C-alpha atoms as a PDB file:
ATOM      1  CA  MET A   1      -0.065  -0.149  -0.154  1.00  0.00           C
ATOM      2  CA  MET A   2       1.477   3.449  -1.023  1.00  0.00           C
ATOM      3  CA  ILE A   3       0.608   5.477   1.660  1.00  0.00           C
ATOM      4  CA  LYS A   4       1.973   8.745   0.449  1.00  0.00           C
ATOM      5  CA  GLY A   5       0.172   8.143  -2.723  1.00  0.00           C
ATOM      6  CA  TYR A   6      -3.216   7.831  -1.099  1.00  0.00           C
ATOM      7  CA  GLN A   7      -2.464  11.250   1.208  1.00  0.00           C
ATOM      8  CA  GLU A   8      -1.686  12.978  -1.929  1.00  0.00           C
ATOM      9  CA  LYS A   9      -4.832  11.857  -3.500  1.00  0.00           C
ATOM     10  CA  VAL A  10      -6.948  12.975  -0.346  1.00  0.00           C
ATOM     11  CA  LEU A  11      -5.318  16.514  -0.748  1.00  0.00           C
ATOM     12  CA  ASN A  12      -6.319  16.357  -4.220  1.00  0.00           C
ATOM     13  CA  LEU A  13      -9.795  15.331  -3.373  1.00  0.00           C
ATOM     14  CA  TYR A  14      -9.854  18.411  -0.637  1.00  0.00           C
ATOM     15  CA  GLU A  15      -8.685  20.657  -3.519  1.00  0.00           C
ATOM     16  CA  LYS A  16     -11.358  19.633  -5.857  1.00  0.00           C
ATOM     17  CA  LYS A  17     -14.238  20.032  -3.075  1.00  0.00           C
ATOM     18  CA  ARG A  18     -12.939  23.626  -2.865  1.00  0.00           C
ATOM     19  CA  LYS A  19     -12.884  24.620  -6.156  1.00  0.00           C
ATOM     20  CA  ALA A  20     -16.453  22.919  -6.662  1.00  0.00           C
ATOM     21  CA  ASN A  21     -17.531  25.097  -3.886  1.00  0.00           C
ATOM     22  CA  ILE A  22     -16.257  28.302  -5.327  1.00  0.00           C
ATOM     23  CA  ASP A  23     -17.733  27.325  -8.460  1.00  0.00           C
ATOM     24  CA  ARG A  24     -20.995  26.915  -7.046  1.00  0.00           C
ATOM     25  CA  LEU A  25     -21.107  30.121  -4.973  1.00  0.00           C
ATOM     26  CA  LYS A  26     -20.472  32.198  -8.327  1.00  0.00           C
ATOM     27  CA  GLN A  27     -23.549  30.267  -9.782  1.00  0.00           C
ATOM     28  CA  ARG A  28     -25.596  31.382  -7.047  1.00  0.00           C
ATOM     29  CA  LYS A  29     -24.533  34.607  -6.891  1.00  0.00           C
ATOM     30  CA  SER A  30     -25.122  35.014 -10.782  1.00  0.00           C
ATOM     31  CA  GLU A  31     -28.525  33.686 -10.107  1.00  0.00           C
ATOM     32  CA  VAL A  32     -29.367  35.857  -7.047  1.00  0.00           C
ATOM     33  CA  TYR A  33     -27.595  39.245  -8.577  1.00  0.00           C
ATOM     34  CA  ALA A  34     -29.749  38.760 -12.039  1.00  0.00           C
ATOM     35  CA  LYS A  35     -32.978  38.595  -9.961  1.00  0.00           C
ATOM     36  CA  VAL A  36     -32.032  41.049  -6.993  1.00  0.00           C
ATOM     37  CA  PRO A  37     -29.701  43.600  -8.269  1.00  0.00           C
ATOM     38  CA  ARG A  38     -30.028  45.130  -4.987  1.00  0.00           C
ATOM     39  CA  ILE A  39     -28.024  42.164  -3.188  1.00  0.00           C
ATOM     40  CA  LYS A  40     -25.031  42.854  -5.484  1.00  0.00           C
ATOM     41  CA  ALA A  41     -25.133  46.447  -4.640  1.00  0.00           C
ATOM     42  CA  LEU A  42     -25.119  45.355  -0.801  1.00  0.00           C
ATOM     43  CA  ASP A  43     -22.235  43.042  -1.303  1.00  0.00           C
ATOM     44  CA  SER A  44     -20.172  45.686  -3.049  1.00  0.00           C
ATOM     45  CA  MET A  45     -20.973  48.051   0.057  1.00  0.00           C
ATOM     46  CA  ILE A  46     -20.242  45.184   2.299  1.00  0.00           C
ATOM     47  CA  THR A  47     -16.638  44.541   0.751  1.00  0.00           C
ATOM     48  CA  LYS A  48     -15.819  48.277   0.407  1.00  0.00           C
ATOM     49  CA  SER A  49     -16.606  48.834   3.897  1.00  0.00           C
ATOM     50  CA  PHE A  50     -14.538  45.781   5.223  1.00  0.00           C
ATOM     51  CA  ILE A  51     -11.552  47.320   3.081  1.00  0.00           C
ATOM     52  CA  ASP A  52     -12.045  50.605   4.909  1.00  0.00           C
ATOM     53  CA  LEU A  53     -12.142  48.531   8.320  1.00  0.00           C
ATOM     54  CA  SER A  54      -9.090  46.961   7.737  1.00  0.00           C
ATOM     55  CA  THR A  55      -7.208  50.041   6.346  1.00  0.00           C
ATOM     56  CA  SER A  56      -8.167  52.538   9.139  1.00  0.00           C
ATOM     57  CA  PRO A  57      -5.627  51.772  11.391  1.00  0.00           C
ATOM     58  CA  PHE A  58      -2.923  53.281   8.684  1.00  0.00           C
ATOM     59  CA  LYS A  59      -5.155  56.283   8.141  1.00  0.00           C
ATOM     60  CA  ASN A  60      -4.993  59.618  10.093  1.00  0.00           C
ATOM     61  CA  ILE A  61      -8.830  59.649  10.964  1.00  0.00           C
ATOM     62  CA  PRO A  62      -9.912  61.975  13.596  1.00  0.00           C
ATOM     63  CA  ASN A  63     -12.365  60.095  16.437  1.00  0.00           C
ATOM     64  CA  ILE A  64     -11.016  56.766  15.045  1.00  0.00           C
ATOM     65  CA  ASP A  65     -12.755  54.694  17.378  1.00  0.00           C
ATOM     66  CA  THR A  66     -16.136  56.447  16.478  1.00  0.00           C
ATOM     67  CA  TYR A  67     -15.304  55.813  12.809  1.00  0.00           C
ATOM     68  CA  ILE A  68     -14.504  52.120  13.430  1.00  0.00           C
ATOM     69  CA  GLN A  69     -17.596  51.421  15.702  1.00  0.00           C
ATOM     70  CA  ASP A  70     -19.775  53.435  12.843  1.00  0.00           C
ATOM     71  CA  LEU A  71     -18.445  51.252   9.922  1.00  0.00           C
ATOM     72  CA  LYS A  72     -18.913  47.875  11.954  1.00  0.00           C
ATOM     73  CA  SER A  73     -22.749  49.047  12.491  1.00  0.00           C
ATOM     74  CA  LYS A  74     -22.895  49.972   9.134  1.00  0.00           C
ATOM     75  CA  ILE A  75     -21.602  46.549   7.874  1.00  0.00           C
ATOM     76  CA  THR A  76     -24.326  44.728  10.192  1.00  0.00           C
ATOM     77  CA  ASP A  77     -26.940  46.880   8.793  1.00  0.00           C
ATOM     78  CA  LEU A  78     -26.104  46.381   5.271  1.00  0.00           C
ATOM     79  CA  ARG A  79     -26.055  42.401   6.421  1.00  0.00           C
ATOM     80  CA  VAL A  80     -29.469  42.187   8.060  1.00  0.00           C
ATOM     81  CA  GLU A  81     -30.840  44.007   4.738  1.00  0.00           C
ATOM     82  CA  LYS A  82     -29.267  41.381   2.645  1.00  0.00           C
ATOM     83  CA  SER A  83     -30.318  38.724   4.561  1.00  0.00           C
ATOM     84  CA  GLU A  84     -34.038  39.983   4.798  1.00  0.00           C
ATOM     85  CA  LEU A  85     -33.762  40.565   1.045  1.00  0.00           C
ATOM     86  CA  LEU A  86     -32.821  36.882   0.490  1.00  0.00           C
ATOM     87  CA  VAL A  87     -35.706  35.552   2.423  1.00  0.00           C
ATOM     88  CA  GLN A  88     -38.089  37.983   0.854  1.00  0.00           C
ATOM     89  CA  HIS A  89     -37.119  36.232  -2.278  1.00  0.00           C
ATOM     90  CA  GLY A  90     -37.225  32.609  -1.349  1.00  0.00           C
ATOM     91  CA  TYR A  91     -33.577  31.868  -0.653  1.00  0.00           C
ATOM     92  CA  PRO A  92     -32.241  30.595   2.500  1.00  0.00           C
ATOM     93  CA  MET A  93     -30.174  33.481   4.558  1.00  0.00           C
ATOM     94  CA  ASP A  94     -26.896  31.666   4.061  1.00  0.00           C
ATOM     95  CA  TYR A  95     -27.613  31.110   0.226  1.00  0.00           C
ATOM     96  CA  LEU A  96     -24.596  33.239  -0.569  1.00  0.00           C
ATOM     97  CA  ASN A  97     -22.130  31.830   2.103  1.00  0.00           C
ATOM     98  CA  GLU A  98     -19.695  29.107   1.091  1.00  0.00           C
ATOM     99  CA  ILE A  99     -21.028  25.850   2.294  1.00  0.00           C
ATOM    100  CA  TYR A 100     -18.899  23.441   3.305  1.00  0.00           C
ATOM    101  CA  GLU A 101     -19.005  19.732   3.720  1.00  0.00           C
ATOM    102  CA  CYS A 102     -17.035  19.916   6.750  1.00  0.00           C
ATOM    103  CA  THR A 103     -17.666  23.022   8.645  1.00  0.00           C
ATOM    104  CA  LYS A 104     -14.953  22.159  11.236  1.00  0.00           C
ATOM    105  CA  CYS A 105     -11.903  22.711   8.510  1.00  0.00           C
ATOM    106  CA  GLY A 106     -13.668  24.359   5.566  1.00  0.00           C
ATOM    107  CA  ASP A 107     -12.844  21.359   3.503  1.00  0.00           C
ATOM    108  CA  THR A 108      -9.265  21.918   3.834  1.00  0.00           C
ATOM    109  CA  GLY A 109      -8.562  18.730   5.621  1.00  0.00           C
ATOM    110  CA  PHE A 110      -6.666  20.559   8.173  1.00  0.00           C
ATOM    111  CA  ILE A 111      -7.616  22.442  11.540  1.00  0.00           C
ATOM    112  CA  GLY A 112      -4.313  24.528  12.141  1.00  0.00           C
ATOM    113  CA  PRO A 113      -1.426  21.969  11.697  1.00  0.00           C
ATOM    114  CA  LYS A 114      -3.508  18.820  12.568  1.00  0.00           C
ATOM    115  CA  ARG A 115      -5.540  16.702  10.641  1.00  0.00           C
ATOM    116  CA  CYS A 116      -9.159  17.066  10.683  1.00  0.00           C
ATOM    117  CA  GLU A 117     -11.379  14.269  11.713  1.00  0.00           C
ATOM    118  CA  CYS A 118     -12.854  14.091   8.017  1.00  0.00           C
ATOM    119  CA  PHE A 119      -9.268  13.950   6.426  1.00  0.00           C
ATOM    120  CA  ASN A 120      -8.983  10.233   8.185  1.00  0.00           C
ATOM    121  CA  LYS A 121     -12.305   9.174   6.935  1.00  0.00           C
ATOM    122  CA  ASN A 122     -11.709  10.375   3.172  1.00  0.00           C
ATOM    123  CA  LEU A 123      -8.150   8.297   3.710  1.00  0.00           C
ATOM    124  CA  VAL A 124     -10.158   5.334   4.879  1.00  0.00           C
ATOM    125  CA  GLN A 125     -12.616   5.404   2.343  1.00  0.00           C
ATOM    126  CA  LEU A 126     -10.202   6.040  -0.401  1.00  0.00           C
ATOM    127  CA  TYR A 127      -8.087   3.101   1.083  1.00  0.00           C
ATOM    128  CA  TYR A 128     -10.527   0.857   1.195  1.00  0.00           C
ATOM    129  CA  VAL A 129     -12.374   1.310  -2.321  1.00  0.00           C
ATOM    130  CA  THR A 130      -8.884   1.211  -4.329  1.00  0.00           C
ATOM    131  CA  SER A 131      -7.143  -1.307  -2.094  1.00  0.00           C
ATOM    132  CA  GLU A 132      -7.095  -5.240  -2.576  1.00  0.00           C
ATOM    133  CA  LEU A 133      -9.187  -5.317   0.623  1.00  0.00           C
ATOM    134  CA  LYS A 134     -12.219  -4.462  -0.835  1.00  0.00           C
ATOM    135  CA  ASP A 135     -12.441  -7.746  -3.084  1.00  0.00           C
ATOM    136  CA  ILE A 136     -11.229  -9.827   0.024  1.00  0.00           C
ATOM    137  CA  LEU A 137     -13.916  -8.245   2.164  1.00  0.00           C
ATOM    138  CA  VAL A 138     -16.669  -9.145   0.035  1.00  0.00           C
ATOM    139  CA  ALA A 139     -16.131 -12.569   0.621  1.00  0.00           C
ATOM    140  CA  ASN A 140     -14.483 -12.643   4.097  1.00  0.00           C
ATOM    141  CA  ASN A 141     -16.978 -11.010   6.355  1.00  0.00           C
ATOM    142  CA  PHE A 142     -19.005 -11.685   8.981  1.00  0.00           C
ATOM    143  CA  SER A 143     -22.348 -12.500   6.995  1.00  0.00           C
ATOM    144  CA  THR A 144     -20.303 -15.209   5.220  1.00  0.00           C
ATOM    145  CA  PHE A 145     -18.711 -16.259   8.488  1.00  0.00           C
ATOM    146  CA  ARG A 146     -20.301 -20.273   8.474  1.00  0.00           C
ATOM    147  CA  LEU A 147     -19.779 -21.832  12.131  1.00  0.00           C
ATOM    148  CA  ASP A 148     -21.279 -24.894  10.619  1.00  0.00           C
ATOM    149  CA  TYR A 149     -17.911 -25.590   8.713  1.00  0.00           C
ATOM    150  CA  PHE A 150     -16.269 -26.088  12.069  1.00  0.00           C
ATOM    151  CA  GLU A 151     -16.409 -29.889  13.777  1.00  0.00           C
ATOM    152  CA  ASN A 152     -18.664 -29.952  16.470  1.00  0.00           C
ATOM    153  CA  HIS A 153     -16.625 -32.633  18.501  1.00  0.00           C
ATOM    154  CA  ARG A 154     -14.176 -32.848  20.732  1.00  0.00           C
ATOM    155  CA  PHE A 155     -10.652 -32.139  19.508  1.00  0.00           C
ATOM    156  CA  LYS A 156      -7.733 -33.679  21.335  1.00  0.00           C
ATOM    157  CA  ASN A 157      -9.147 -33.598  24.627  1.00  0.00           C
ATOM    158  CA  MET A 158     -10.261 -29.882  23.996  1.00  0.00           C
ATOM    159  CA  ASP A 159     -13.481 -28.208  23.378  1.00  0.00           C
ATOM    160  CA  SER A 160     -14.988 -28.890  20.005  1.00  0.00           C
ATOM    161  CA  PRO A 161     -13.353 -26.349  17.300  1.00  0.00           C
ATOM    162  CA  ARG A 162     -16.756 -24.854  16.602  1.00  0.00           C
ATOM    163  CA  LYS A 163     -17.282 -24.230  20.424  1.00  0.00           C
ATOM    164  CA  ASN A 164     -13.773 -22.579  20.418  1.00  0.00           C
ATOM    165  CA  ILE A 165     -14.445 -20.521  17.383  1.00  0.00           C
ATOM    166  CA  GLU A 166     -17.940 -19.182  18.866  1.00  0.00           C
ATOM    167  CA  ARG A 167     -15.764 -17.874  21.665  1.00  0.00           C
ATOM    168  CA  ILE A 168     -13.393 -16.208  19.616  1.00  0.00           C
ATOM    169  CA  LEU A 169     -16.161 -14.832  17.484  1.00  0.00           C
ATOM    170  CA  ALA A 170     -18.180 -13.435  20.524  1.00  0.00           C
ATOM    171  CA  LYS A 171     -14.546 -12.100  21.425  1.00  0.00           C
ATOM    172  CA  SER A 172     -14.011 -10.378  17.944  1.00  0.00           C
ATOM    173  CA  LYS A 173     -17.716  -8.762  17.840  1.00  0.00           C
ATOM    174  CA  GLU A 174     -16.934  -7.369  21.639  1.00  0.00           C
ATOM    175  CA  TYR A 175     -13.604  -5.918  20.514  1.00  0.00           C
ATOM    176  CA  ILE A 176     -15.318  -4.131  17.545  1.00  0.00           C
ATOM    177  CA  ARG A 177     -18.052  -2.864  20.130  1.00  0.00           C
ATOM    178  CA  ASP A 178     -15.596  -1.786  22.544  1.00  0.00           C
ATOM    179  CA  PHE A 179     -12.788  -0.261  19.829  1.00  0.00           C
ATOM    180  CA  PRO A 180     -12.952   3.274  20.899  1.00  0.00           C
ATOM    181  CA  PHE A 181     -12.825   2.766  24.581  1.00  0.00           C
ATOM    182  CA  SER A 182     -10.343   0.082  24.535  1.00  0.00           C
ATOM    183  CA  ASP A 183      -6.432  -0.511  24.025  1.00  0.00           C
ATOM    184  CA  GLU A 184      -6.934  -3.988  23.460  1.00  0.00           C
ATOM    185  CA  ASN A 185      -4.567  -5.803  20.949  1.00  0.00           C
ATOM    186  CA  LEU A 186      -5.692  -9.522  19.539  1.00  0.00           C
ATOM    187  CA  PHE A 187      -3.123 -12.157  18.865  1.00  0.00           C
ATOM    188  CA  PHE A 188      -4.388 -15.298  16.945  1.00  0.00           C
ATOM    189  CA  TYR A 189      -2.451 -18.412  16.662  1.00  0.00           C
ATOM    190  CA  GLY A 190      -3.151 -21.946  15.408  1.00  0.00           C
ATOM    191  CA  SER A 191      -2.512 -24.550  12.487  1.00  0.00           C
ATOM    192  CA  PRO A 192      -3.474 -23.222   8.938  1.00  0.00           C
ATOM    193  CA  GLY A 193      -6.742 -23.208   7.562  1.00  0.00           C
ATOM    194  CA  THR A 194      -8.458 -22.685  10.774  1.00  0.00           C
ATOM    195  CA  GLY A 195     -10.151 -19.705  10.279  1.00  0.00           C
ATOM    196  CA  LYS A 196      -7.514 -16.940  11.867  1.00  0.00           C
ATOM    197  CA  THR A 197      -7.049 -14.800   8.446  1.00  0.00           C
ATOM    198  CA  PHE A 198     -10.705 -15.006   7.830  1.00  0.00           C
ATOM    199  CA  LEU A 199     -11.931 -13.722  11.077  1.00  0.00           C
ATOM    200  CA  THR A 200      -9.273 -10.931  10.954  1.00  0.00           C
ATOM    201  CA  ASN A 201     -10.762  -9.931   7.785  1.00  0.00           C
ATOM    202  CA  CYS A 202     -14.307  -9.819   9.131  1.00  0.00           C
ATOM    203  CA  ILE A 203     -13.061  -7.501  11.984  1.00  0.00           C
ATOM    204  CA  ALA A 204     -11.366  -5.409   9.366  1.00  0.00           C
ATOM    205  CA  LYS A 205     -14.377  -4.992   7.356  1.00  0.00           C
ATOM    206  CA  GLU A 206     -16.450  -3.688  10.440  1.00  0.00           C
ATOM    207  CA  LEU A 207     -13.822  -1.220  11.333  1.00  0.00           C
ATOM    208  CA  LEU A 208     -13.262   0.045   7.789  1.00  0.00           C
ATOM    209  CA  ASP A 209     -17.066   0.325   7.724  1.00  0.00           C
ATOM    210  CA  ASN A 210     -17.306   2.293  10.685  1.00  0.00           C
ATOM    211  CA  GLY A 211     -14.534   4.386   9.508  1.00  0.00           C
ATOM    212  CA  TYR A 212     -11.250   3.461  11.110  1.00  0.00           C
ATOM    213  CA  LEU A 213      -7.932   3.339   9.257  1.00  0.00           C
ATOM    214  CA  VAL A 214      -6.823  -0.460   9.074  1.00  0.00           C
ATOM    215  CA  ILE A 215      -3.726  -1.111   7.498  1.00  0.00           C
ATOM    216  CA  TYR A 216      -3.220  -4.668   6.608  1.00  0.00           C
ATOM    217  CA  LYS A 217       0.368  -6.298   5.868  1.00  0.00           C
ATOM    218  CA  THR A 218       1.760  -9.804   5.841  1.00  0.00           C
ATOM    219  CA  SER A 219       4.437  -9.866   7.838  1.00  0.00           C
ATOM    220  CA  GLU A 220       6.993  -9.932   4.711  1.00  0.00           C
ATOM    221  CA  GLU A 221       5.168  -6.948   3.199  1.00  0.00           C
ATOM    222  CA  LEU A 222       5.642  -5.542   6.757  1.00  0.00           C
ATOM    223  CA  ILE A 223       9.371  -6.162   6.877  1.00  0.00           C
ATOM    224  CA  GLU A 224       9.560  -4.488   3.332  1.00  0.00           C
ATOM    225  CA  SER A 225       7.617  -1.429   4.618  1.00  0.00           C
ATOM    226  CA  LEU A 226      10.238  -1.211   7.662  1.00  0.00           C
ATOM    227  CA  LYS A 227      12.873  -1.328   5.023  1.00  0.00           C
ATOM    228  CA  GLU A 228      11.490   1.600   3.241  1.00  0.00           C
ATOM    229  CA  ILE A 229      11.360   3.761   6.524  1.00  0.00           C
ATOM    230  CA  LYS A 230      14.835   2.751   7.786  1.00  0.00           C
ATOM    231  CA  PHE A 231      16.530   3.197   4.354  1.00  0.00           C
ATOM    232  CA  ASN A 232      14.364   5.805   2.320  1.00  0.00           C
ATOM    233  CA  LYS A 233      13.484   7.848   5.383  1.00  0.00           C
ATOM    234  CA  ASP A 234       9.734   7.216   4.386  1.00  0.00           C
ATOM    235  CA  LYS A 235       8.079   9.388   7.300  1.00  0.00           C
ATOM    236  CA  ILE A 236       4.613   9.272   5.853  1.00  0.00           C
ATOM    237  CA  LEU A 237       4.800   5.157   5.597  1.00  0.00           C
ATOM    238  CA  GLU A 238       6.261   5.384   9.163  1.00  0.00           C
ATOM    239  CA  ASP A 239       3.373   7.649  10.410  1.00  0.00           C
ATOM    240  CA  ALA A 240       0.571   5.467   8.862  1.00  0.00           C
ATOM    241  CA  LEU A 241       2.075   2.334  10.401  1.00  0.00           C
ATOM    242  CA  ILE A 242       2.347   3.697  13.803  1.00  0.00           C
ATOM    243  CA  ASN A 243      -0.733   6.104  14.003  1.00  0.00           C
ATOM    244  CA  CYS A 244      -3.372   3.881  11.811  1.00  0.00           C
ATOM    245  CA  ASP A 245      -6.136   3.056  14.192  1.00  0.00           C
ATOM    246  CA  VAL A 246      -5.433  -0.742  13.417  1.00  0.00           C
ATOM    247  CA  LEU A 247      -2.255  -2.481  12.159  1.00  0.00           C
ATOM    248  CA  ILE A 248      -3.125  -6.144  11.247  1.00  0.00           C
ATOM    249  CA  ILE A 249      -0.369  -8.440  10.748  1.00  0.00           C
ATOM    250  CA  ASP A 250      -0.990 -11.351   8.916  1.00  0.00           C
ATOM    251  CA  ASP A 251       1.364 -14.718   8.974  1.00  0.00           C
ATOM    252  CA  LEU A 252       3.756 -13.603  11.583  1.00  0.00           C
ATOM    253  CA  GLY A 253       6.838 -15.938  11.236  1.00  0.00           C
ATOM    254  CA  THR A 254       7.004 -16.005   7.284  1.00  0.00           C
ATOM    255  CA  GLU A 255       9.068 -13.035   7.213  1.00  0.00           C
ATOM    256  CA  ALA A 256      13.218 -13.671   6.792  1.00  0.00           C
ATOM    257  CA  ASP A 257      14.722 -14.371  10.186  1.00  0.00           C
ATOM    258  CA  THR A 258      17.232 -11.584  10.285  1.00  0.00           C
ATOM    259  CA  ASP A 259      18.971  -9.043  12.717  1.00  0.00           C
ATOM    260  CA  PHE A 260      17.209  -6.419  10.688  1.00  0.00           C
ATOM    261  CA  THR A 261      13.851  -7.878  11.146  1.00  0.00           C
ATOM    262  CA  ARG A 262      14.183  -8.965  14.598  1.00  0.00           C
ATOM    263  CA  SER A 263      15.240  -5.258  15.670  1.00  0.00           C
ATOM    264  CA  GLU A 264      12.704  -3.448  13.600  1.00  0.00           C
ATOM    265  CA  LEU A 265       9.932  -5.470  14.510  1.00  0.00           C
ATOM    266  CA  TYR A 266      10.546  -5.116  18.201  1.00  0.00           C
ATOM    267  CA  ASN A 267      10.844  -1.210  17.527  1.00  0.00           C
ATOM    268  CA  LEU A 268       7.385  -1.369  15.891  1.00  0.00           C
ATOM    269  CA  LEU A 269       5.458  -3.346  18.389  1.00  0.00           C
ATOM    270  CA  ASN A 270       7.197  -1.506  21.037  1.00  0.00           C
ATOM    271  CA  LYS A 271       6.232   2.301  19.695  1.00  0.00           C
ATOM    272  CA  LYS A 272       2.658   1.012  19.083  1.00  0.00           C
ATOM    273  CA  ILE A 273       2.191  -0.581  22.560  1.00  0.00           C
ATOM    274  CA  LEU A 274       3.996   2.806  24.062  1.00  0.00           C
ATOM    275  CA  ASN A 275       1.473   4.874  21.882  1.00  0.00           C
ATOM    276  CA  ASN A 276      -1.466   2.999  22.996  1.00  0.00           C
ATOM    277  CA  LYS A 277      -2.079   1.771  19.015  1.00  0.00           C
ATOM    278  CA  LYS A 278      -3.994  -1.061  18.553  1.00  0.00           C
ATOM    279  CA  MET A 279      -2.664  -4.307  16.482  1.00  0.00           C
ATOM    280  CA  ILE A 280      -4.115  -7.619  15.279  1.00  0.00           C
ATOM    281  CA  ILE A 281      -1.613 -10.260  14.768  1.00  0.00           C
ATOM    282  CA  SER A 282      -2.204 -13.896  13.385  1.00  0.00           C
ATOM    283  CA  THR A 283       0.558 -16.768  12.962  1.00  0.00           C
ATOM    284  CA  ASN A 284       0.629 -20.407  12.158  1.00  0.00           C
ATOM    285  CA  PHE A 285       3.252 -20.608  14.838  1.00  0.00           C
ATOM    286  CA  SER A 286       2.640 -22.296  18.248  1.00  0.00           C
ATOM    287  CA  LEU A 287       3.560 -20.131  21.044  1.00  0.00           C
ATOM    288  CA  GLU A 288       6.604 -22.626  22.013  1.00  0.00           C
ATOM    289  CA  GLU A 289       7.819 -21.969  18.021  1.00  0.00           C
ATOM    290  CA  LEU A 290       7.407 -18.176  18.578  1.00  0.00           C
ATOM    291  CA  MET A 291       9.622 -18.008  21.633  1.00  0.00           C
ATOM    292  CA  ASN A 292      12.120 -20.178  20.123  1.00  0.00           C
ATOM    293  CA  ARG A 293      12.365 -17.813  16.812  1.00  0.00           C
ATOM    294  CA  TYR A 294      11.966 -14.368  18.616  1.00  0.00           C
ATOM    295  CA  SER A 295      13.824 -12.765  21.400  1.00  0.00           C
ATOM    296  CA  GLU A 296      12.534 -12.372  25.129  1.00  0.00           C
ATOM    297  CA  ARG A 297      12.136  -8.781  24.291  1.00  0.00           C
ATOM    298  CA  ILE A 298       9.367  -9.575  21.294  1.00  0.00           C
ATOM    299  CA  THR A 299       7.672 -12.479  22.845  1.00  0.00           C
ATOM    300  CA  SER A 300       7.102 -10.570  26.196  1.00  0.00           C
ATOM    301  CA  ARG A 301       5.194  -7.969  24.036  1.00  0.00           C
ATOM    302  CA  LEU A 302       3.485 -10.251  22.217  1.00  0.00           C
ATOM    303  CA  PHE A 303       2.399 -12.420  25.033  1.00  0.00           C
ATOM    304  CA  GLY A 304       2.202  -9.608  27.517  1.00  0.00           C
ATOM    305  CA  HIS A 305       0.074  -6.935  25.805  1.00  0.00           C
ATOM    306  CA  PHE A 306      -2.236  -9.051  23.404  1.00  0.00           C
ATOM    307  CA  SER A 307      -5.293 -10.962  24.032  1.00  0.00           C
ATOM    308  CA  ILE A 308      -4.270 -14.383  22.810  1.00  0.00           C
ATOM    309  CA  HIS A 309      -6.535 -16.892  21.362  1.00  0.00           C
ATOM    310  CA  LYS A 310      -5.771 -20.348  19.970  1.00  0.00           C
ATOM    311  CA  PHE A 311      -7.460 -21.768  16.620  1.00  0.00           C
ATOM    312  CA  TYR A 312      -7.432 -25.690  16.305  1.00  0.00           C
ATOM    313  CA  GLY A 313      -9.470 -28.083  14.167  1.00  0.00           C
ATOM    314  CA  GLU A 314      -9.225 -29.476  10.518  1.00  0.00           C
ATOM    315  CA  ASP A 315      -7.748 -27.318   7.722  1.00  0.00           C
ATOM    316  CA  LEU A 316     -11.063 -25.791   6.354  1.00  0.00           C
ATOM    317  CA  ARG A 317      -9.391 -24.925   2.925  1.00  0.00           C
ATOM    318  CA  ILE A 318      -8.490 -28.576   2.442  1.00  0.00           C
ATOM    319  CA  LYS A 319     -11.873 -29.995   3.780  1.00  0.00           C
ATOM    320  CA  LEU A 320     -13.797 -27.383   1.435  1.00  0.00           C
ATOM    321  CA  ASN A 321     -11.799 -28.329  -1.799  1.00  0.00           C
ATOM    322  CA  LEU A 322     -12.299 -31.956  -1.204  1.00  0.00           C
ATOM    323  CA  LYS A 323     -16.115 -30.907  -0.707  1.00  0.00           C
ATOM    324  CA  ARG A 324     -15.964 -29.061  -4.250  1.00  0.00           C
ATOM    325  CA  ILE A 325     -14.119 -32.032  -5.690  1.00  0.00           C
ATOM    326  CA  HIS A 326     -16.764 -34.542  -5.020  1.00  0.00           C
END
């Protein structure tokens, strides 16, 4: 996912919104001025009065305070007359004002130096629609989740896979419900084909539909992103990975096992945990295998800062493929 490209597209979107707003305002003015010429004259007088007001401190005017107060009163009177004329002719009072989709930022995307909340919503929508996630989540979502695919008998002296997945499913829905108020992370582990990625995608769809920025990376893709950040100083990508609403890391353990990988993975996990930024991680490795693969610094963060859920049972992908064959 090219985060920088998405951000530039969102900024272009705001530029188009502002241009369209200006064009619509010009059209409304042309319409009103043609119908009620007095309103055009009032606008000219209001503009001239504002110019006089802004330049008055630089002029040698006797009784400057009285002059300024008279100008302000005049502007108020002109505005009142303009509003009354608009209403009399069937227009809303704000018909000749700029009308923004977001009144907080005036369709700029920023309030001062900070992003407006509408910026992130537009980023989410653009990312969702144009990324590979859109097609994946059409098939992988709660409405297509099938409990009957999971065996309903005990499995290796444990509860049945169906009972187990029912618990995890309930936890996942609770996670979505409490998302704005909780700092909880989820860790899914277990053998391949037991529903980890499917359920992760279900959660991702719900969060994306609710306007949250979800970034999905396989562990291999994540390491490539960390290289981009480390060696090419990609601050936008770094900000996205650290500050997105939730970072999903799929197939942890399939990335190359190098000093760089271990160091940068630890740094990312640590930054997100320290900043209370949520994560969902899935892996086919057992907890013991993870402890053998990663340093204690990494596993302590995985096991100490995540709600851990084990998936088990038959490989559903193999099971479904066999059904299709027969």
